[in-house]
Amino acid sequence: MSFSATLNLVGTVQVARESVSYDGLGGTSAVTTLTTLSRAAIWQTGTNDSYLSSQILRQSTHLLACKPGAYTWSINDRHVTYSAATYEVIGRPENVLFMGEVQVVPLKLVN
């Protein structure tokens, strides 16, 4: 059994990157680019919200796991789609699990 199969990195996800394009006449338009990542998975981490000073804090409910270097992450990456569910990217990618063998990105379930 391969390492990625052990981690269940057998799914396909789509990452939506939003950017602004200028039209040269003083206006702008939003452009969304979709990128498909294979050998990825979504892991559920929790579902509770945290409260601080009567405000709900953004808390990661899921993690996207993929191979390091499979995708160059940007601050413009906003959403991930997997199995008809949409997740909001709420954190920075980390290569800390399994000493660089897997990259995780914190997500929050949108719908």
C-alpha atoms as a PDB file:
ATOM      1  CA  MET A   1       0.000   0.000   0.000  1.00  0.00           C
ATOM      2  CA  SER A   2       1.366   3.390  -0.944  1.00  0.00           C
ATOM      3  CA  PHE A   3       1.845   6.249   1.507  1.00  0.00           C
ATOM      4  CA  SER A   4      -0.803   8.443  -0.178  1.00  0.00           C
ATOM      5  CA  ALA A   5      -3.342   5.600  -0.057  1.00  0.00           C
ATOM      6  CA  THR A   6      -2.645   5.211   3.669  1.00  0.00           C
ATOM      7  CA  LEU A   7      -3.507   8.895   4.146  1.00  0.00           C
ATOM      8  CA  ASN A   8      -6.533   8.596   1.802  1.00  0.00           C
ATOM      9  CA  LEU A   9      -5.033  11.103  -0.654  1.00  0.00           C
ATOM     10  CA  VAL A  10      -7.065   9.574  -3.460  1.00  0.00           C
ATOM     11  CA  GLY A  11      -9.675  12.290  -4.146  1.00  0.00           C
ATOM     12  CA  THR A  12      -9.810  15.279  -6.465  1.00  0.00           C
ATOM     13  CA  VAL A  13     -10.489  18.850  -5.293  1.00  0.00           C
ATOM     14  CA  GLN A  14     -10.872  22.171  -7.118  1.00  0.00           C
ATOM     15  CA  VAL A  15      -9.234  25.339  -5.811  1.00  0.00           C
ATOM     16  CA  ALA A  16     -10.742  28.718  -6.790  1.00  0.00           C
ATOM     17  CA  ARG A  17      -8.249  31.595  -7.068  1.00  0.00           C
ATOM     18  CA  GLU A  18      -9.788  35.054  -7.329  1.00  0.00           C
ATOM     19  CA  SER A  19      -7.896  37.947  -8.893  1.00  0.00           C
ATOM     20  CA  VAL A  20      -8.708  41.432 -10.126  1.00  0.00           C
ATOM     21  CA  SER A  21      -8.234  42.389 -13.755  1.00  0.00           C
ATOM     22  CA  TYR A  22      -8.039  46.048 -14.833  1.00  0.00           C
ATOM     23  CA  ASP A  23      -9.770  46.973 -18.091  1.00  0.00           C
ATOM     24  CA  GLY A  24      -7.639  50.047 -18.883  1.00  0.00           C
ATOM     25  CA  LEU A  25     -10.588  52.446 -18.568  1.00  0.00           C
ATOM     26  CA  GLY A  26     -10.548  52.766 -14.794  1.00  0.00           C
ATOM     27  CA  GLY A  27     -12.739  49.731 -14.153  1.00  0.00           C
ATOM     28  CA  THR A  28     -12.014  46.309 -12.789  1.00  0.00           C
ATOM     29  CA  SER A  29     -13.461  42.848 -13.101  1.00  0.00           C
ATOM     30  CA  ALA A  30     -13.035  39.790 -10.915  1.00  0.00           C
ATOM     31  CA  VAL A  31     -11.510  36.719 -12.512  1.00  0.00           C
ATOM     32  CA  THR A  32     -11.779  33.274 -10.935  1.00  0.00           C
ATOM     33  CA  THR A  33      -9.363  30.558 -11.979  1.00  0.00           C
ATOM     34  CA  LEU A  34     -10.130  26.938 -11.099  1.00  0.00           C
ATOM     35  CA  THR A  35      -7.308  24.464 -10.555  1.00  0.00           C
ATOM     36  CA  THR A  36      -7.873  20.742 -10.048  1.00  0.00           C
ATOM     37  CA  LEU A  37      -5.698  18.905  -7.523  1.00  0.00           C
ATOM     38  CA  SER A  38      -5.578  15.148  -7.678  1.00  0.00           C
ATOM     39  CA  ARG A  39      -4.302  12.992  -4.827  1.00  0.00           C
ATOM     40  CA  ALA A  40      -5.929  15.155  -2.168  1.00  0.00           C
ATOM     41  CA  ALA A  41      -8.405  14.661   0.655  1.00  0.00           C
ATOM     42  CA  ILE A  42     -10.524  16.644   3.087  1.00  0.00           C
ATOM     43  CA  TRP A  43     -10.288  15.629   6.741  1.00  0.00           C
ATOM     44  CA  GLN A  44     -12.817  16.801   9.337  1.00  0.00           C
ATOM     45  CA  THR A  45     -11.208  18.253  12.460  1.00  0.00           C
ATOM     46  CA  GLY A  46     -14.134  19.681  14.429  1.00  0.00           C
ATOM     47  CA  THR A  47     -17.413  21.549  14.298  1.00  0.00           C
ATOM     48  CA  ASN A  48     -17.492  23.832  17.344  1.00  0.00           C
ATOM     49  CA  ASP A  49     -17.363  27.620  17.140  1.00  0.00           C
ATOM     50  CA  SER A  50     -15.250  29.600  19.581  1.00  0.00           C
ATOM     51  CA  TYR A  51     -16.433  32.822  21.223  1.00  0.00           C
ATOM     52  CA  LEU A  52     -14.273  35.707  22.403  1.00  0.00           C
ATOM     53  CA  SER A  53     -15.729  39.026  23.570  1.00  0.00           C
ATOM     54  CA  SER A  54     -19.178  38.066  22.223  1.00  0.00           C
ATOM     55  CA  GLN A  55     -17.817  37.427  18.727  1.00  0.00           C
ATOM     56  CA  ILE A  56     -17.562  34.146  16.859  1.00  0.00           C
ATOM     57  CA  LEU A  57     -13.972  33.315  15.936  1.00  0.00           C
ATOM     58  CA  ARG A  58     -13.098  31.659  12.661  1.00  0.00           C
ATOM     59  CA  GLN A  59     -12.246  28.094  13.478  1.00  0.00           C
ATOM     60  CA  SER A  60     -11.016  25.405  11.155  1.00  0.00           C
ATOM     61  CA  THR A  61     -13.568  22.635  10.716  1.00  0.00           C
ATOM     62  CA  HIS A  62     -11.699  20.712   8.013  1.00  0.00           C
ATOM     63  CA  LEU A  63      -8.193  20.261   6.625  1.00  0.00           C
ATOM     64  CA  LEU A  64      -7.251  19.894   2.996  1.00  0.00           C
ATOM     65  CA  ALA A  65      -4.399  17.412   2.661  1.00  0.00           C
ATOM     66  CA  CYS A  66      -2.304  17.150  -0.492  1.00  0.00           C
ATOM     67  CA  LYS A  67       1.237  16.402  -1.564  1.00  0.00           C
ATOM     68  CA  PRO A  68       3.707  19.274  -0.995  1.00  0.00           C
ATOM     69  CA  GLY A  69       4.544  21.117  -4.194  1.00  0.00           C
ATOM     70  CA  ALA A  70       1.409  19.918  -5.975  1.00  0.00           C
ATOM     71  CA  TYR A  71       0.074  23.481  -5.972  1.00  0.00           C
ATOM     72  CA  THR A  72       1.550  26.900  -5.234  1.00  0.00           C
ATOM     73  CA  TRP A  73      -0.824  28.468  -2.720  1.00  0.00           C
ATOM     74  CA  SER A  74      -1.610  32.199  -2.784  1.00  0.00           C
ATOM     75  CA  ILE A  75      -3.490  34.609  -0.519  1.00  0.00           C
ATOM     76  CA  ASN A  76      -5.987  34.885  -3.390  1.00  0.00           C
ATOM     77  CA  ASP A  77      -7.075  31.263  -3.004  1.00  0.00           C
ATOM     78  CA  ARG A  78     -10.557  31.609  -1.536  1.00  0.00           C
ATOM     79  CA  HIS A  79     -12.541  28.384  -1.903  1.00  0.00           C
ATOM     80  CA  VAL A  80     -12.080  24.643  -2.296  1.00  0.00           C
ATOM     81  CA  THR A  81     -14.740  22.345  -3.747  1.00  0.00           C
ATOM     82  CA  TYR A  82     -14.815  18.635  -2.916  1.00  0.00           C
ATOM     83  CA  SER A  83     -17.704  16.191  -3.406  1.00  0.00           C
ATOM     84  CA  ALA A  84     -20.235  18.995  -4.043  1.00  0.00           C
ATOM     85  CA  ALA A  85     -19.274  20.783  -0.800  1.00  0.00           C
ATOM     86  CA  THR A  86     -17.610  24.210  -0.724  1.00  0.00           C
ATOM     87  CA  TYR A  87     -14.986  25.184   1.860  1.00  0.00           C
ATOM     88  CA  GLU A  88     -13.451  28.581   2.602  1.00  0.00           C
ATOM     89  CA  VAL A  89      -9.663  28.730   2.909  1.00  0.00           C
ATOM     90  CA  ILE A  90      -9.036  30.337   6.309  1.00  0.00           C
ATOM     91  CA  GLY A  91      -5.351  29.739   6.917  1.00  0.00           C
ATOM     92  CA  ARG A  92      -1.921  29.256   5.452  1.00  0.00           C
ATOM     93  CA  PRO A  93      -0.648  25.922   4.124  1.00  0.00           C
ATOM     94  CA  GLU A  94       1.640  24.006   6.448  1.00  0.00           C
ATOM     95  CA  ASN A  95       4.115  21.227   5.647  1.00  0.00           C
ATOM     96  CA  VAL A  96       4.478  20.123   9.247  1.00  0.00           C
ATOM     97  CA  LEU A  97       2.747  16.752   9.257  1.00  0.00           C
ATOM     98  CA  PHE A  98       4.824  13.684   8.525  1.00  0.00           C
ATOM     99  CA  MET A  99       8.005  15.752   7.992  1.00  0.00           C
ATOM    100  CA  GLY A 100       7.067  17.275   4.651  1.00  0.00           C
ATOM    101  CA  GLU A 101       5.217  14.275   3.228  1.00  0.00           C
ATOM    102  CA  VAL A 102       1.836  15.995   3.312  1.00  0.00           C
ATOM    103  CA  GLN A 103       0.696  19.616   3.117  1.00  0.00           C
ATOM    104  CA  VAL A 104      -2.384  20.708   5.070  1.00  0.00           C
ATOM    105  CA  VAL A 105      -4.546  23.813   4.580  1.00  0.00           C
ATOM    106  CA  PRO A 106      -7.159  24.830   7.199  1.00  0.00           C
ATOM    107  CA  LEU A 107     -10.683  25.137   5.807  1.00  0.00           C
ATOM    108  CA  LYS A 108     -14.134  26.081   7.033  1.00  0.00           C
ATOM    109  CA  LEU A 109     -17.239  24.415   5.589  1.00  0.00           C
ATOM    110  CA  VAL A 110     -19.439  26.938   3.758  1.00  0.00           C
ATOM    111  CA  ASN A 111     -22.207  24.642   2.476  1.00  0.00           C
END
